[in-house]
Protein backbone atom coordinates (compact mmCIF):
# COMPACT_ATOMS: atom_id res chain seq x y z
CA UNK A 1 144.30 78.69 129.18
CA UNK A 2 141.01 78.58 130.73
CA UNK A 3 140.23 82.23 130.49
CA UNK A 4 141.14 82.65 126.47
CA UNK A 5 138.92 79.07 126.47
CA UNK A 6 136.01 81.25 128.03
CA UNK A 7 136.53 84.12 125.90
CA UNK A 8 136.30 82.23 122.83
CA UNK A 9 132.91 80.16 124.25
CA UNK A 10 131.61 83.75 125.08
CA UNK A 11 132.64 85.16 121.58
CA UNK A 12 131.08 82.28 119.40
CA UNK A 13 127.84 82.43 121.54
CA UNK A 14 127.49 86.08 120.88
CA UNK A 15 128.55 85.50 117.07
CA UNK A 16 125.73 82.76 117.00
CA UNK A 17 122.79 84.64 118.19
CA UNK A 18 123.99 87.73 115.72
CA UNK A 19 123.85 85.43 113.22
CA UNK A 20 120.53 84.66 114.37
CA UNK A 21 119.10 88.08 114.48
CA UNK A 22 120.37 88.70 110.92
CA UNK A 23 118.75 85.50 109.77
CA UNK A 24 115.13 86.23 111.09
CA UNK A 25 115.81 89.70 109.19
CA UNK A 26 116.56 88.15 106.02
CA UNK A 27 119.82 89.91 106.06
CA UNK A 28 121.19 86.36 105.07
CA UNK A 29 124.70 87.37 103.43
CA UNK A 30 125.76 89.11 106.48
CA UNK A 31 124.67 85.89 108.54
CA UNK A 32 126.90 83.85 106.82
CA UNK A 33 129.65 86.19 107.36
CA UNK A 34 129.20 85.97 110.94
CA UNK A 35 128.17 82.14 111.22
CA UNK A 36 131.54 81.40 109.26
CA UNK A 37 133.78 83.28 111.49
CA UNK A 38 132.05 81.25 114.45
CA UNK A 39 132.58 77.82 112.37
CA UNK A 40 135.84 78.47 112.15
CA UNK A 41 136.62 79.22 115.88
CA UNK A 42 134.43 76.23 116.83
CA UNK A 43 134.19 73.68 114.08
CA UNK A 44 132.68 70.77 116.23
CA UNK A 45 129.91 72.98 117.53
CA UNK A 46 126.64 71.62 115.55
CA UNK A 47 124.30 74.26 116.29
CA UNK A 48 126.91 76.48 113.94
CA UNK A 49 126.77 74.18 111.52
CA UNK A 50 123.07 73.45 111.10
CA UNK A 51 122.66 77.24 111.20
CA UNK A 52 125.38 77.44 108.67
CA UNK A 53 123.72 74.76 106.56
CA UNK A 54 120.39 76.99 106.60
CA UNK A 55 121.63 80.21 105.82
CA UNK A 56 123.45 79.08 102.97
CA UNK A 57 120.29 77.04 101.56
CA UNK A 58 118.32 80.57 101.67
CA UNK A 59 120.73 82.58 99.98
CA UNK A 60 120.80 79.93 97.37
CA UNK A 61 116.87 79.33 97.52
CA UNK A 62 116.06 83.14 97.43
CA UNK A 63 114.54 83.61 93.93
CA UNK A 64 111.50 84.54 92.19
CA UNK A 65 109.43 81.61 91.45
CA UNK A 66 108.21 83.24 88.08
CA UNK A 67 110.09 81.26 85.43
CA UNK A 68 110.33 83.95 82.96
CA UNK A 69 111.82 86.67 85.59
CA UNK A 70 115.02 88.53 84.27
CA UNK A 71 116.30 88.76 87.77
CA UNK A 72 116.45 84.55 88.37
CA UNK A 73 119.35 85.00 85.44
CA UNK A 74 121.36 87.02 88.15
CA UNK A 75 121.41 86.82 91.80
CA UNK A 76 118.76 88.84 93.87
CA UNK A 77 120.08 90.26 96.65
CA UNK A 78 119.13 88.23 99.85
CA UNK A 79 118.02 91.41 101.46
CA UNK A 80 115.82 92.31 98.72
CA UNK A 81 112.10 91.42 100.89
CA UNK A 82 110.55 88.78 98.25
CA UNK A 83 106.62 88.67 98.35
CA UNK A 84 105.29 85.57 99.64
CA UNK A 85 101.90 84.51 97.99
CA UNK A 86 99.17 85.49 100.91
CA UNK A 87 96.85 82.43 99.91
CA UNK A 88 99.24 79.49 100.29
CA UNK A 89 102.68 81.04 101.75
CA UNK A 90 104.81 78.49 99.78
CA UNK A 91 106.09 80.48 96.94
CA UNK A 92 108.00 84.10 96.81
CA UNK A 93 108.33 86.37 93.93
CA UNK A 94 110.58 89.79 93.48
CA UNK A 95 107.26 91.86 92.68
CA UNK A 96 103.28 92.17 92.20
CA UNK A 97 103.85 92.34 88.13
CA UNK A 98 106.02 88.45 88.37
CA UNK A 99 103.24 87.31 90.71
CA UNK A 100 100.17 87.87 88.31
CA UNK A 101 102.53 86.76 85.37
CA UNK A 102 103.02 83.59 87.11
CA UNK A 103 99.32 82.77 88.65
CA UNK A 104 98.10 80.99 85.99
CA UNK A 105 100.84 78.34 86.59
CA UNK A 106 100.56 78.58 90.10
CA UNK A 107 96.98 78.58 90.75
CA UNK A 108 96.69 74.96 89.97
CA UNK A 109 99.30 74.20 92.91
CA UNK A 110 98.05 77.01 95.23
CA UNK A 111 96.15 75.31 97.70
CA UNK A 112 94.79 78.24 100.23
CA UNK A 113 95.63 75.97 103.29
CA UNK A 114 96.92 78.56 105.26
CA UNK A 115 96.04 78.21 109.14
CA UNK A 116 96.70 81.71 109.62
CA UNK A 117 93.68 82.49 107.20
CA UNK A 118 89.90 83.00 108.26
CA UNK A 119 86.94 83.79 106.43
CA UNK A 120 84.21 86.15 108.18
CA UNK A 121 80.93 84.45 109.30
CA UNK A 122 78.99 87.29 107.94
CA UNK A 123 80.80 88.29 104.44
CA UNK A 124 83.27 85.41 104.05
CA UNK A 125 85.84 87.68 103.00
CA UNK A 126 89.45 86.13 103.94
CA UNK A 127 91.54 87.95 106.13
CA UNK A 128 94.74 87.15 108.52
CA UNK A 129 95.08 86.33 111.74
CA UNK A 130 95.75 90.01 113.34
CA UNK A 131 92.79 91.18 111.72
CA UNK A 132 90.36 88.44 113.41
CA UNK A 133 87.62 89.24 115.50
CA UNK A 134 86.17 86.96 117.18
CA UNK A 135 82.55 87.07 118.40
CA UNK A 136 82.14 88.59 121.88
CA UNK A 137 79.16 86.59 123.24
CA UNK A 138 79.81 82.77 121.79
CA UNK A 139 83.91 83.18 120.96
CA UNK A 140 83.34 80.66 118.38
CA UNK A 141 82.63 83.03 115.16
CA UNK A 142 85.33 84.92 113.24
CA UNK A 143 84.50 88.09 111.63
CA UNK A 144 86.83 90.59 109.19
CA UNK A 145 85.49 93.54 111.15
CA UNK A 146 83.50 94.99 114.11
CA UNK A 147 80.65 96.07 111.57
CA UNK A 148 80.51 92.47 110.42
CA UNK A 149 80.49 91.19 114.23
CA UNK A 150 77.78 93.92 115.18
CA UNK A 151 75.65 92.51 111.82
CA UNK A 152 75.55 89.11 112.74
CA UNK A 153 74.31 89.61 116.51
């Protein structure tokens, strides 16, 4: 029946977008349940299969990078927001304590090559894209604050 097929397609699309939304909110366990329902209804849908694999991988890799962390012996709730290294953004920790404890090991591997980080032309402080103030005269210089921009002029 074509009406039933249309409802099923609409249902699967709705589940796909709901799962995507939950994934972006880092609610991986909820996203997995939703996407598994949709895969059951539409097992040949490659977008659903890819999303399912991605969400499963996120859940499996969702752990603190500190090897001595007690929470690594048990599963960290995937809805707990892990802290990402602000310098390289390649490694995650469950707490500031774990990040500090792991720093001697991570320091040598931490490149700091983050394209969303800038150095202030005036004071050389590192800051994020959201904090960036471009020179109002030339637009080529980056500042961490309006005070630094005024001092440089």
